[in-house]
Amino acid sequence: MGLYSVFWAVILLASANSVHGSDACTGLPGLLNCAPFLLGSVSSPDAKCCKSLKWLSQHAINREDKRELCKCLKIEDLKHKGVILDRAKALPRLCKVQLPVPLIPDNIDCDKIKVADAE
């Protein structure tokens, strides 16, 4: 199974395991558009990737949505799926999108996220 297949399977699993059915988590499959950049096969994210990232930022507005997105991203655990950490950290800046939680929320207690934490 190639890296793209693993990446896709993990994103689908994370969105399917969403605890509350948050819109933010159901948008995770859109991150597949970012796989070429996150896995290192292209040097910059394309418009589809940035659009998917923007969608996530627009659908994780309240505290519960932000917490849910954080939990889904922890389930995903992108750092163990071939994602280049520096690229995951740079992606929001490159797309000019402010995410409510990092794509790799290692040191974050998702249950303690407040509405203003990411703003």
PDB file of N, CA and C in Angstrom:
ATOM      1  N   MET A   1       0.856  -1.174   0.000  1.00  0.00           N
ATOM      2  CA  MET A   1       0.000   0.000   0.000  1.00  0.00           C
ATOM      3  C   MET A   1       0.900   1.235   0.000  1.00  0.00           C
ATOM      4  N   GLY A   2       0.684   2.161  -0.926  1.00  0.00           N
ATOM      5  CA  GLY A   2       1.492   3.365  -1.032  1.00  0.00           C
ATOM      6  C   GLY A   2       1.151   4.378   0.038  1.00  0.00           C
ATOM      7  N   LEU A   3       2.015   5.388   0.169  1.00  0.00           N
ATOM      8  CA  LEU A   3       1.794   6.419   1.184  1.00  0.00           C
ATOM      9  C   LEU A   3       0.471   7.147   1.003  1.00  0.00           C
ATOM     10  N   TYR A   4       0.086   7.403  -0.260  1.00  0.00           N
ATOM     11  CA  TYR A   4      -1.183   8.097  -0.484  1.00  0.00           C
ATOM     12  C   TYR A   4      -2.349   7.245  -0.001  1.00  0.00           C
ATOM     13  N   SER A   5      -2.267   5.946  -0.219  1.00  0.00           N
ATOM     14  CA  SER A   5      -3.338   5.049   0.223  1.00  0.00           C
ATOM     15  C   SER A   5      -3.439   5.038   1.736  1.00  0.00           C
ATOM     16  N   VAL A   6      -2.292   4.975   2.411  1.00  0.00           N
ATOM     17  CA  VAL A   6      -2.291   4.989   3.869  1.00  0.00           C
ATOM     18  C   VAL A   6      -2.840   6.316   4.376  1.00  0.00           C
ATOM     19  N   PHE A   7      -2.389   7.400   3.787  1.00  0.00           N
ATOM     20  CA  PHE A   7      -2.847   8.737   4.180  1.00  0.00           C
ATOM     21  C   PHE A   7      -4.363   8.829   4.038  1.00  0.00           C
ATOM     22  N   TRP A   8      -4.886   8.404   2.912  1.00  0.00           N
ATOM     23  CA  TRP A   8      -6.323   8.440   2.645  1.00  0.00           C
ATOM     24  C   TRP A   8      -7.089   7.578   3.641  1.00  0.00           C
ATOM     25  N   ALA A   9      -6.609   6.372   3.888  1.00  0.00           N
ATOM     26  CA  ALA A   9      -7.286   5.460   4.810  1.00  0.00           C
ATOM     27  C   ALA A   9      -7.336   6.041   6.219  1.00  0.00           C
ATOM     28  N   VAL A  10      -6.265   6.653   6.655  1.00  0.00           N
ATOM     29  CA  VAL A  10      -6.213   7.231   7.992  1.00  0.00           C
ATOM     30  C   VAL A  10      -7.166   8.408   8.113  1.00  0.00           C
ATOM     31  N   ILE A  11      -7.212   9.254   7.114  1.00  0.00           N
ATOM     32  CA  ILE A  11      -8.117  10.408   7.156  1.00  0.00           C
ATOM     33  C   ILE A  11      -9.569   9.946   7.173  1.00  0.00           C
ATOM     34  N   LEU A  12      -9.892   8.954   6.371  1.00  0.00           N
ATOM     35  CA  LEU A  12     -11.269   8.436   6.378  1.00  0.00           C
ATOM     36  C   LEU A  12     -11.618   7.830   7.725  1.00  0.00           C
ATOM     37  N   LEU A  13     -10.688   7.093   8.312  1.00  0.00           N
ATOM     38  CA  LEU A  13     -10.927   6.484   9.609  1.00  0.00           C
ATOM     39  C   LEU A  13     -11.156   7.549  10.669  1.00  0.00           C
ATOM     40  N   ALA A  14     -10.347   8.591  10.664  1.00  0.00           N
ATOM     41  CA  ALA A  14     -10.491   9.659  11.650  1.00  0.00           C
ATOM     42  C   ALA A  14     -11.838  10.347  11.521  1.00  0.00           C
ATOM     43  N   SER A  15     -12.262  10.620  10.294  1.00  0.00           N
ATOM     44  CA  SER A  15     -13.547  11.299  10.126  1.00  0.00           C
ATOM     45  C   SER A  15     -14.705  10.370  10.474  1.00  0.00           C
ATOM     46  N   ALA A  16     -14.549   9.080  10.212  1.00  0.00           N
ATOM     47  CA  ALA A  16     -15.609   8.127  10.546  1.00  0.00           C
ATOM     48  C   ALA A  16     -15.720   7.932  12.052  1.00  0.00           C
ATOM     49  N   ASN A  17     -14.623   8.095  12.773  1.00  0.00           N
ATOM     50  CA  ASN A  17     -14.615   7.913  14.216  1.00  0.00           C
ATOM     51  C   ASN A  17     -14.946   9.177  14.981  1.00  0.00           C
ATOM     52  N   SER A  18     -15.395  10.194  14.292  1.00  0.00           N
ATOM     53  CA  SER A  18     -15.743  11.450  14.936  1.00  0.00           C
ATOM     54  C   SER A  18     -16.764  11.206  16.042  1.00  0.00           C
ATOM     55  N   VAL A  19     -16.448  11.687  17.237  1.00  0.00           N
ATOM     56  CA  VAL A  19     -17.300  11.442  18.392  1.00  0.00           C
ATOM     57  C   VAL A  19     -18.644  12.129  18.276  1.00  0.00           C
ATOM     58  N   HIS A  20     -18.651  13.366  17.842  1.00  0.00           N
ATOM     59  CA  HIS A  20     -19.894  14.131  17.790  1.00  0.00           C
ATOM     60  C   HIS A  20     -20.398  14.404  16.377  1.00  0.00           C
ATOM     61  N   GLY A  21     -19.714  13.919  15.363  1.00  0.00           N
ATOM     62  CA  GLY A  21     -20.144  14.190  14.005  1.00  0.00           C
ATOM     63  C   GLY A  21     -19.902  15.629  13.597  1.00  0.00           C
ATOM     64  N   SER A  22     -18.899  16.237  14.177  1.00  0.00           N
ATOM     65  CA  SER A  22     -18.576  17.634  13.895  1.00  0.00           C
ATOM     66  C   SER A  22     -18.323  17.857  12.411  1.00  0.00           C
ATOM     67  N   ASP A  23     -18.783  19.001  11.905  1.00  0.00           N
ATOM     68  CA  ASP A  23     -18.484  19.368  10.525  1.00  0.00           C
ATOM     69  C   ASP A  23     -16.990  19.404  10.276  1.00  0.00           C
ATOM     70  N   ALA A  24     -16.237  19.891  11.266  1.00  0.00           N
ATOM     71  CA  ALA A  24     -14.791  19.995  11.098  1.00  0.00           C
ATOM     72  C   ALA A  24     -14.182  18.629  10.832  1.00  0.00           C
ATOM     73  N   CYS A  25     -14.629  17.609  11.535  1.00  0.00           N
ATOM     74  CA  CYS A  25     -14.065  16.269  11.345  1.00  0.00           C
ATOM     75  C   CYS A  25     -14.537  15.641  10.033  1.00  0.00           C
ATOM     76  N   THR A  26     -15.743  15.926   9.630  1.00  0.00           N
ATOM     77  CA  THR A  26     -16.212  15.372   8.368  1.00  0.00           C
ATOM     78  C   THR A  26     -15.474  15.994   7.191  1.00  0.00           C
ATOM     79  N   GLY A  27     -14.809  17.115   7.428  1.00  0.00           N
ATOM     80  CA  GLY A  27     -14.019  17.767   6.387  1.00  0.00           C
ATOM     81  C   GLY A  27     -12.611  17.223   6.263  1.00  0.00           C
ATOM     82  N   LEU A  28     -12.210  16.328   7.152  1.00  0.00           N
ATOM     83  CA  LEU A  28     -10.843  15.805   7.106  1.00  0.00           C
ATOM     84  C   LEU A  28     -10.481  15.102   5.803  1.00  0.00           C
ATOM     85  N   PRO A  29     -11.399  14.376   5.155  1.00  0.00           N
ATOM     86  CA  PRO A  29     -11.000  13.774   3.875  1.00  0.00           C
ATOM     87  C   PRO A  29     -10.517  14.798   2.849  1.00  0.00           C
ATOM     88  N   GLY A  30     -10.926  16.053   3.004  1.00  0.00           N
ATOM     89  CA  GLY A  30     -10.439  17.100   2.111  1.00  0.00           C
ATOM     90  C   GLY A  30      -8.932  17.300   2.211  1.00  0.00           C
ATOM     91  N   LEU A  31      -8.355  16.883   3.337  1.00  0.00           N
ATOM     92  CA  LEU A  31      -6.912  17.007   3.499  1.00  0.00           C
ATOM     93  C   LEU A  31      -6.141  16.107   2.539  1.00  0.00           C
ATOM     94  N   LEU A  32      -6.829  15.167   1.925  1.00  0.00           N
ATOM     95  CA  LEU A  32      -6.162  14.354   0.911  1.00  0.00           C
ATOM     96  C   LEU A  32      -5.590  15.253  -0.175  1.00  0.00           C
ATOM     97  N   ASN A  33      -6.238  16.384  -0.422  1.00  0.00           N
ATOM     98  CA  ASN A  33      -5.723  17.349  -1.400  1.00  0.00           C
ATOM     99  C   ASN A  33      -4.346  17.877  -1.004  1.00  0.00           C
ATOM    100  N   CYS A  34      -4.010  17.780   0.279  1.00  0.00           N
ATOM    101  CA  CYS A  34      -2.726  18.275   0.778  1.00  0.00           C
ATOM    102  C   CYS A  34      -1.657  17.181   0.835  1.00  0.00           C
ATOM    103  N   ALA A  35      -2.042  15.944   0.597  1.00  0.00           N
ATOM    104  CA  ALA A  35      -1.092  14.831   0.712  1.00  0.00           C
ATOM    105  C   ALA A  35       0.165  15.020  -0.129  1.00  0.00           C
ATOM    106  N   PRO A  36       0.080  15.437  -1.391  1.00  0.00           N
ATOM    107  CA  PRO A  36       1.328  15.589  -2.158  1.00  0.00           C
ATOM    108  C   PRO A  36       2.321  16.539  -1.484  1.00  0.00           C
ATOM    109  N   PHE A  37       1.827  17.616  -0.908  1.00  0.00           N
ATOM    110  CA  PHE A  37       2.707  18.554  -0.223  1.00  0.00           C
ATOM    111  C   PHE A  37       3.181  17.970   1.108  1.00  0.00           C
ATOM    112  N   LEU A  38       2.253  17.452   1.910  1.00  0.00           N
ATOM    113  CA  LEU A  38       2.598  16.942   3.235  1.00  0.00           C
ATOM    114  C   LEU A  38       3.534  15.739   3.181  1.00  0.00           C
ATOM    115  N   LEU A  39       3.431  14.952   2.114  1.00  0.00           N
ATOM    116  CA  LEU A  39       4.283  13.764   1.977  1.00  0.00           C
ATOM    117  C   LEU A  39       5.564  14.050   1.203  1.00  0.00           C
ATOM    118  N   GLY A  40       5.707  15.274   0.691  1.00  0.00           N
ATOM    119  CA  GLY A  40       6.955  15.693   0.083  1.00  0.00           C
ATOM    120  C   GLY A  40       7.109  15.484  -1.409  1.00  0.00           C
ATOM    121  N   SER A  41       6.030  15.165  -2.108  1.00  0.00           N
ATOM    122  CA  SER A  41       6.174  14.929  -3.553  1.00  0.00           C
ATOM    123  C   SER A  41       6.058  16.208  -4.387  1.00  0.00           C
ATOM    124  N   VAL A  42       5.564  17.312  -3.788  1.00  0.00           N
ATOM    125  CA  VAL A  42       5.554  18.622  -4.456  1.00  0.00           C
ATOM    126  C   VAL A  42       6.096  19.653  -3.473  1.00  0.00           C
ATOM    127  N   SER A  43       6.585  20.757  -4.004  1.00  0.00           N
ATOM    128  CA  SER A  43       7.255  21.737  -3.153  1.00  0.00           C
ATOM    129  C   SER A  43       6.333  22.753  -2.482  1.00  0.00           C
ATOM    130  N   SER A  44       5.104  22.861  -2.957  1.00  0.00           N
ATOM    131  CA  SER A  44       4.176  23.812  -2.339  1.00  0.00           C
ATOM    132  C   SER A  44       2.742  23.283  -2.444  1.00  0.00           C
ATOM    133  N   PRO A  45       1.885  23.695  -1.512  1.00  0.00           N
ATOM    134  CA  PRO A  45       0.485  23.251  -1.568  1.00  0.00           C
ATOM    135  C   PRO A  45      -0.243  23.915  -2.732  1.00  0.00           C
ATOM    136  N   ASP A  46      -1.179  23.201  -3.318  1.00  0.00           N
ATOM    137  CA  ASP A  46      -1.940  23.789  -4.421  1.00  0.00           C
ATOM    138  C   ASP A  46      -3.235  24.417  -3.901  1.00  0.00           C
ATOM    139  N   ALA A  47      -3.983  25.017  -4.802  1.00  0.00           N
ATOM    140  CA  ALA A  47      -5.212  25.730  -4.435  1.00  0.00           C
ATOM    141  C   ALA A  47      -6.246  24.802  -3.795  1.00  0.00           C
ATOM    142  N   LYS A  48      -6.343  23.558  -4.269  1.00  0.00           N
ATOM    143  CA  LYS A  48      -7.313  22.620  -3.679  1.00  0.00           C
ATOM    144  C   LYS A  48      -6.972  22.323  -2.228  1.00  0.00           C
ATOM    145  N   CYS A  49      -5.695  22.153  -1.954  1.00  0.00           N
ATOM    146  CA  CYS A  49      -5.254  21.903  -0.584  1.00  0.00           C
ATOM    147  C   CYS A  49      -5.630  23.095   0.302  1.00  0.00           C
ATOM    148  N   CYS A  50      -5.293  24.271  -0.136  1.00  0.00           N
ATOM    149  CA  CYS A  50      -5.574  25.467   0.660  1.00  0.00           C
ATOM    150  C   CYS A  50      -7.071  25.674   0.852  1.00  0.00           C
ATOM    151  N   LYS A  51      -7.849  25.348  -0.155  1.00  0.00           N
ATOM    152  CA  LYS A  51      -9.304  25.452  -0.034  1.00  0.00           C
ATOM    153  C   LYS A  51      -9.823  24.478   1.032  1.00  0.00           C
ATOM    154  N   SER A  52      -9.269  23.277   1.058  1.00  0.00           N
ATOM    155  CA  SER A  52      -9.660  22.279   2.066  1.00  0.00           C
ATOM    156  C   SER A  52      -9.288  22.742   3.468  1.00  0.00           C
ATOM    157  N   LEU A  53      -8.117  23.329   3.598  1.00  0.00           N
ATOM    158  CA  LEU A  53      -7.660  23.836   4.886  1.00  0.00           C
ATOM    159  C   LEU A  53      -8.559  24.986   5.352  1.00  0.00           C
ATOM    160  N   LYS A  54      -8.922  25.850   4.422  1.00  0.00           N
ATOM    161  CA  LYS A  54      -9.808  26.969   4.745  1.00  0.00           C
ATOM    162  C   LYS A  54     -11.172  26.451   5.201  1.00  0.00           C
ATOM    163  N   TRP A  55     -11.665  25.408   4.544  1.00  0.00           N
ATOM    164  CA  TRP A  55     -12.945  24.816   4.931  1.00  0.00           C
ATOM    165  C   TRP A  55     -12.885  24.349   6.387  1.00  0.00           C
ATOM    166  N   LEU A  56     -11.782  23.678   6.745  1.00  0.00           N
ATOM    167  CA  LEU A  56     -11.630  23.224   8.132  1.00  0.00           C
ATOM    168  C   LEU A  56     -11.673  24.398   9.102  1.00  0.00           C
ATOM    169  N   SER A  57     -10.971  25.470   8.767  1.00  0.00           N
ATOM    170  CA  SER A  57     -10.923  26.621   9.671  1.00  0.00           C
ATOM    171  C   SER A  57     -12.298  27.270   9.823  1.00  0.00           C
ATOM    172  N   GLN A  58     -13.104  27.218   8.793  1.00  0.00           N
ATOM    173  CA  GLN A  58     -14.433  27.839   8.833  1.00  0.00           C
ATOM    174  C   GLN A  58     -15.481  26.968   9.525  1.00  0.00           C
ATOM    175  N   HIS A  59     -15.184  25.684   9.710  1.00  0.00           N
ATOM    176  CA  HIS A  59     -16.162  24.786  10.314  1.00  0.00           C
ATOM    177  C   HIS A  59     -15.782  24.333  11.718  1.00  0.00           C
ATOM    178  N   ALA A  60     -14.737  24.901  12.259  1.00  0.00           N
ATOM    179  CA  ALA A  60     -14.368  24.636  13.649  1.00  0.00           C
ATOM    180  C   ALA A  60     -14.349  25.979  14.352  1.00  0.00           C
ATOM    181  N   ILE A  61     -15.546  26.462  14.664  1.00  0.00           N
ATOM    182  CA  ILE A  61     -15.689  27.811  15.186  1.00  0.00           C
ATOM    183  C   ILE A  61     -15.894  27.814  16.697  1.00  0.00           C
ATOM    184  N   ASN A  62     -16.801  26.993  17.171  1.00  0.00           N
ATOM    185  CA  ASN A  62     -17.069  27.003  18.613  1.00  0.00           C
ATOM    186  C   ASN A  62     -16.125  26.036  19.339  1.00  0.00           C
ATOM    187  N   ARG A  63     -16.166  26.094  20.640  1.00  0.00           N
ATOM    188  CA  ARG A  63     -15.257  25.295  21.470  1.00  0.00           C
ATOM    189  C   ARG A  63     -15.384  23.799  21.188  1.00  0.00           C
ATOM    190  N   GLU A  64     -16.599  23.311  21.094  1.00  0.00           N
ATOM    191  CA  GLU A  64     -16.790  21.873  20.872  1.00  0.00           C
ATOM    192  C   GLU A  64     -16.237  21.430  19.516  1.00  0.00           C
ATOM    193  N   ASP A  65     -16.458  22.234  18.486  1.00  0.00           N
ATOM    194  CA  ASP A  65     -15.919  21.897  17.163  1.00  0.00           C
ATOM    195  C   ASP A  65     -14.393  21.873  17.175  1.00  0.00           C
ATOM    196  N   LYS A  66     -13.793  22.851  17.872  1.00  0.00           N
ATOM    197  CA  LYS A  66     -12.330  22.901  17.948  1.00  0.00           C
ATOM    198  C   LYS A  66     -11.784  21.698  18.701  1.00  0.00           C
ATOM    199  N   ARG A  67     -12.448  21.346  19.786  1.00  0.00           N
ATOM    200  CA  ARG A  67     -12.017  20.167  20.553  1.00  0.00           C
ATOM    201  C   ARG A  67     -12.159  18.900  19.710  1.00  0.00           C
ATOM    202  N   GLU A  68     -13.260  18.799  18.996  1.00  0.00           N
ATOM    203  CA  GLU A  68     -13.506  17.629  18.150  1.00  0.00           C
ATOM    204  C   GLU A  68     -12.456  17.528  17.046  1.00  0.00           C
ATOM    205  N   LEU A  69     -12.153  18.638  16.395  1.00  0.00           N
ATOM    206  CA  LEU A  69     -11.137  18.637  15.356  1.00  0.00           C
ATOM    207  C   LEU A  69      -9.789  18.208  15.932  1.00  0.00           C
ATOM    208  N   CYS A  70      -9.441  18.727  17.077  1.00  0.00           N
ATOM    209  CA  CYS A  70      -8.200  18.355  17.743  1.00  0.00           C
ATOM    210  C   CYS A  70      -8.153  16.844  17.979  1.00  0.00           C
ATOM    211  N   LYS A  71      -9.246  16.288  18.493  1.00  0.00           N
ATOM    212  CA  LYS A  71      -9.299  14.844  18.764  1.00  0.00           C
ATOM    213  C   LYS A  71      -9.193  14.038  17.476  1.00  0.00           C
ATOM    214  N   CYS A  72      -9.848  14.485  16.431  1.00  0.00           N
ATOM    215  CA  CYS A  72      -9.766  13.771  15.151  1.00  0.00           C
ATOM    216  C   CYS A  72      -8.334  13.790  14.614  1.00  0.00           C
ATOM    217  N   LEU A  73      -7.674  14.928  14.744  1.00  0.00           N
ATOM    218  CA  LEU A  73      -6.289  15.028  14.272  1.00  0.00           C
ATOM    219  C   LEU A  73      -5.354  14.167  15.118  1.00  0.00           C
ATOM    220  N   LYS A  74      -5.658  14.024  16.402  1.00  0.00           N
ATOM    221  CA  LYS A  74      -4.846  13.136  17.248  1.00  0.00           C
ATOM    222  C   LYS A  74      -5.050  11.681  16.838  1.00  0.00           C
ATOM    223  N   ILE A  75      -6.279  11.309  16.522  1.00  0.00           N
ATOM    224  CA  ILE A  75      -6.554   9.943  16.047  1.00  0.00           C
ATOM    225  C   ILE A  75      -5.763   9.689  14.776  1.00  0.00           C
ATOM    226  N   GLU A  76      -5.760  10.687  13.921  1.00  0.00           N
ATOM    227  CA  GLU A  76      -5.063  10.598  12.644  1.00  0.00           C
ATOM    228  C   GLU A  76      -3.574  10.388  12.817  1.00  0.00           C
ATOM    229  N   ASP A  77      -2.977  11.102  13.774  1.00  0.00           N
ATOM    230  CA  ASP A  77      -1.555  11.017  14.082  1.00  0.00           C
ATOM    231  C   ASP A  77      -0.707  11.070  12.809  1.00  0.00           C
ATOM    232  N   LEU A  78      -0.798  12.183  12.113  1.00  0.00           N
ATOM    233  CA  LEU A  78      -0.128  12.360  10.826  1.00  0.00           C
ATOM    234  C   LEU A  78       1.375  12.155  10.882  1.00  0.00           C
ATOM    235  N   LYS A  79       1.983  12.451  12.024  1.00  0.00           N
ATOM    236  CA  LYS A  79       3.445  12.338  12.091  1.00  0.00           C
ATOM    237  C   LYS A  79       3.916  10.900  11.925  1.00  0.00           C
ATOM    238  N   HIS A  80       3.053   9.937  12.172  1.00  0.00           N
ATOM    239  CA  HIS A  80       3.423   8.537  11.989  1.00  0.00           C
ATOM    240  C   HIS A  80       2.907   7.959  10.667  1.00  0.00           C
ATOM    241  N   LYS A  81       2.424   8.817   9.794  1.00  0.00           N
ATOM    242  CA  LYS A  81       1.877   8.375   8.513  1.00  0.00           C
ATOM    243  C   LYS A  81       2.667   8.902   7.330  1.00  0.00           C
ATOM    244  N   GLY A  82       3.908   9.288   7.568  1.00  0.00           N
ATOM    245  CA  GLY A  82       4.755   9.747   6.477  1.00  0.00           C
ATOM    246  C   GLY A  82       4.707  11.239   6.219  1.00  0.00           C
ATOM    247  N   VAL A  83       3.932  11.964   7.014  1.00  0.00           N
ATOM    248  CA  VAL A  83       3.834  13.408   6.836  1.00  0.00           C
ATOM    249  C   VAL A  83       5.117  14.064   7.359  1.00  0.00           C
ATOM    250  N   ILE A  84       5.641  14.988   6.593  1.00  0.00           N
ATOM    251  CA  ILE A  84       6.829  15.728   6.990  1.00  0.00           C
ATOM    252  C   ILE A  84       6.383  16.824   7.960  1.00  0.00           C
ATOM    253  N   LEU A  85       6.875  16.739   9.203  1.00  0.00           N
ATOM    254  CA  LEU A  85       6.400  17.623  10.271  1.00  0.00           C
ATOM    255  C   LEU A  85       6.549  19.104   9.939  1.00  0.00           C
ATOM    256  N   ASP A  86       7.678  19.497   9.380  1.00  0.00           N
ATOM    257  CA  ASP A  86       7.877  20.905   9.039  1.00  0.00           C
ATOM    258  C   ASP A  86       6.847  21.388   8.022  1.00  0.00           C
ATOM    259  N   ARG A  87       6.464  20.513   7.122  1.00  0.00           N
ATOM    260  CA  ARG A  87       5.450  20.884   6.124  1.00  0.00           C
ATOM    261  C   ARG A  87       4.074  21.025   6.764  1.00  0.00           C
ATOM    262  N   ALA A  88       3.752  20.135   7.703  1.00  0.00           N
ATOM    263  CA  ALA A  88       2.463  20.228   8.397  1.00  0.00           C
ATOM    264  C   ALA A  88       2.382  21.524   9.197  1.00  0.00           C
ATOM    265  N   LYS A  89       3.500  21.914   9.794  1.00  0.00           N
ATOM    266  CA  LYS A  89       3.524  23.161  10.568  1.00  0.00           C
ATOM    267  C   LYS A  89       3.446  24.380   9.660  1.00  0.00           C
ATOM    268  N   ALA A  90       4.050  24.302   8.477  1.00  0.00           N
ATOM    269  CA  ALA A  90       4.089  25.445   7.551  1.00  0.00           C
ATOM    270  C   ALA A  90       2.815  25.591   6.721  1.00  0.00           C
ATOM    271  N   LEU A  91       2.054  24.526   6.575  1.00  0.00           N
ATOM    272  CA  LEU A  91       0.901  24.534   5.673  1.00  0.00           C
ATOM    273  C   LEU A  91      -0.086  25.668   5.928  1.00  0.00           C
ATOM    274  N   PRO A  92      -0.530  25.900   7.162  1.00  0.00           N
ATOM    275  CA  PRO A  92      -1.474  27.013   7.366  1.00  0.00           C
ATOM    276  C   PRO A  92      -0.901  28.365   6.920  1.00  0.00           C
ATOM    277  N   ARG A  93       0.370  28.596   7.214  1.00  0.00           N
ATOM    278  CA  ARG A  93       1.003  29.862   6.810  1.00  0.00           C
ATOM    279  C   ARG A  93       1.077  29.962   5.289  1.00  0.00           C
ATOM    280  N   LEU A  94       1.453  28.874   4.636  1.00  0.00           N
ATOM    281  CA  LEU A  94       1.569  28.887   3.178  1.00  0.00           C
ATOM    282  C   LEU A  94       0.219  29.100   2.500  1.00  0.00           C
ATOM    283  N   CYS A  95      -0.828  28.593   3.128  1.00  0.00           N
ATOM    284  CA  CYS A  95      -2.178  28.745   2.580  1.00  0.00           C
ATOM    285  C   CYS A  95      -2.870  30.009   3.100  1.00  0.00           C
ATOM    286  N   LYS A  96      -2.203  30.717   3.990  1.00  0.00           N
ATOM    287  CA  LYS A  96      -2.770  31.937   4.587  1.00  0.00           C
ATOM    288  C   LYS A  96      -4.100  31.645   5.287  1.00  0.00           C
ATOM    289  N   VAL A  97      -4.081  30.550   6.072  1.00  0.00           N
ATOM    290  CA  VAL A  97      -5.262  30.103   6.805  1.00  0.00           C
ATOM    291  C   VAL A  97      -4.868  29.919   8.263  1.00  0.00           C
ATOM    292  N   GLN A  98      -5.689  30.445   9.150  1.00  0.00           N
ATOM    293  CA  GLN A  98      -5.453  30.233  10.573  1.00  0.00           C
ATOM    294  C   GLN A  98      -6.318  29.072  11.036  1.00  0.00           C
ATOM    295  N   LEU A  99      -5.669  27.966  11.377  1.00  0.00           N
ATOM    296  CA  LEU A  99      -6.400  26.801  11.866  1.00  0.00           C
ATOM    297  C   LEU A  99      -6.651  26.929  13.368  1.00  0.00           C
ATOM    298  N   PRO A 100      -7.767  26.381  13.837  1.00  0.00           N
ATOM    299  CA  PRO A 100      -8.071  26.456  15.263  1.00  0.00           C
ATOM    300  C   PRO A 100      -7.164  25.566  16.113  1.00  0.00           C
ATOM    301  N   VAL A 101      -6.569  24.546  15.509  1.00  0.00           N
ATOM    302  CA  VAL A 101      -5.593  23.670  16.176  1.00  0.00           C
ATOM    303  C   VAL A 101      -4.542  23.289  15.139  1.00  0.00           C
ATOM    304  N   PRO A 102      -3.332  22.986  15.589  1.00  0.00           N
ATOM    305  CA  PRO A 102      -2.310  22.542  14.631  1.00  0.00           C
ATOM    306  C   PRO A 102      -2.695  21.215  13.987  1.00  0.00           C
ATOM    307  N   LEU A 103      -2.196  20.967  12.780  1.00  0.00           N
ATOM    308  CA  LEU A 103      -2.458  19.686  12.114  1.00  0.00           C
ATOM    309  C   LEU A 103      -1.883  18.519  12.910  1.00  0.00           C
ATOM    310  N   ILE A 104      -0.829  18.793  13.660  1.00  0.00           N
ATOM    311  CA  ILE A 104      -0.235  17.771  14.524  1.00  0.00           C
ATOM    312  C   ILE A 104      -0.278  18.321  15.955  1.00  0.00           C
ATOM    313  N   PRO A 105      -1.401  18.064  16.649  1.00  0.00           N
ATOM    314  CA  PRO A 105      -1.604  18.653  17.981  1.00  0.00           C
ATOM    315  C   PRO A 105      -0.973  17.825  19.104  1.00  0.00           C
ATOM    316  N   ASP A 106       0.338  17.590  19.001  1.00  0.00           N
ATOM    317  CA  ASP A 106       1.042  16.726  19.959  1.00  0.00           C
ATOM    318  C   ASP A 106       0.846  17.110  21.418  1.00  0.00           C
ATOM    319  N   ASN A 107       1.178  18.321  21.761  1.00  0.00           N
ATOM    320  CA  ASN A 107       1.222  18.734  23.163  1.00  0.00           C
ATOM    321  C   ASN A 107      -0.005  19.523  23.580  1.00  0.00           C
ATOM    322  N   ILE A 108      -1.130  19.202  22.993  1.00  0.00           N
ATOM    323  CA  ILE A 108      -2.362  19.925  23.298  1.00  0.00           C
ATOM    324  C   ILE A 108      -3.348  18.971  23.966  1.00  0.00           C
ATOM    325  N   ASP A 109      -3.922  19.416  25.076  1.00  0.00           N
ATOM    326  CA  ASP A 109      -5.005  18.677  25.712  1.00  0.00           C
ATOM    327  C   ASP A 109      -6.288  19.173  25.052  1.00  0.00           C
ATOM    328  N   CYS A 110      -6.823  18.375  24.157  1.00  0.00           N
ATOM    329  CA  CYS A 110      -7.987  18.796  23.366  1.00  0.00           C
ATOM    330  C   CYS A 110      -9.170  19.211  24.238  1.00  0.00           C
ATOM    331  N   ASP A 111      -9.318  18.588  25.392  1.00  0.00           N
ATOM    332  CA  ASP A 111     -10.450  18.906  26.261  1.00  0.00           C
ATOM    333  C   ASP A 111     -10.328  20.267  26.932  1.00  0.00           C
ATOM    334  N   LYS A 112      -9.157  20.884  26.846  1.00  0.00           N
ATOM    335  CA  LYS A 112      -8.951  22.188  27.475  1.00  0.00           C
ATOM    336  C   LYS A 112      -8.957  23.347  26.476  1.00  0.00           C
ATOM    337  N   ILE A 113      -9.259  23.054  25.219  1.00  0.00           N
ATOM    338  CA  ILE A 113      -9.311  24.107  24.203  1.00  0.00           C
ATOM    339  C   ILE A 113     -10.504  25.011  24.482  1.00  0.00           C
ATOM    340  N   LYS A 114     -10.249  26.311  24.390  1.00  0.00           N
ATOM    341  CA  LYS A 114     -11.300  27.318  24.559  1.00  0.00           C
ATOM    342  C   LYS A 114     -11.554  27.962  23.212  1.00  0.00           C
ATOM    343  N   VAL A 115     -12.592  28.725  23.091  1.00  0.00           N
ATOM    344  CA  VAL A 115     -12.938  29.378  21.830  1.00  0.00           C
ATOM    345  C   VAL A 115     -11.800  30.283  21.372  1.00  0.00           C
ATOM    346  N   ALA A 116     -11.193  31.015  22.275  1.00  0.00           N
ATOM    347  CA  ALA A 116     -10.173  31.989  21.884  1.00  0.00           C
ATOM    348  C   ALA A 116      -8.768  31.397  21.781  1.00  0.00           C
ATOM    349  N   ASP A 117      -8.559  30.112  22.094  1.00  0.00           N
ATOM    350  CA  ASP A 117      -7.219  29.525  22.104  1.00  0.00           C
ATOM    351  C   ASP A 117      -6.487  29.677  20.786  1.00  0.00           C
ATOM    352  N   ALA A 118      -7.152  29.524  19.696  1.00  0.00           N
ATOM    353  CA  ALA A 118      -6.474  29.541  18.395  1.00  0.00           C
ATOM    354  C   ALA A 118      -6.577  30.883  17.699  1.00  0.00           C
ATOM    355  N   GLU A 119      -7.251  31.810  18.302  1.00  0.00           N
ATOM    356  CA  GLU A 119      -7.458  33.093  17.644  1.00  0.00           C
ATOM    357  C   GLU A 119      -6.350  34.057  17.941  1.00  0.00           C
TER     358      GLU A 119
END
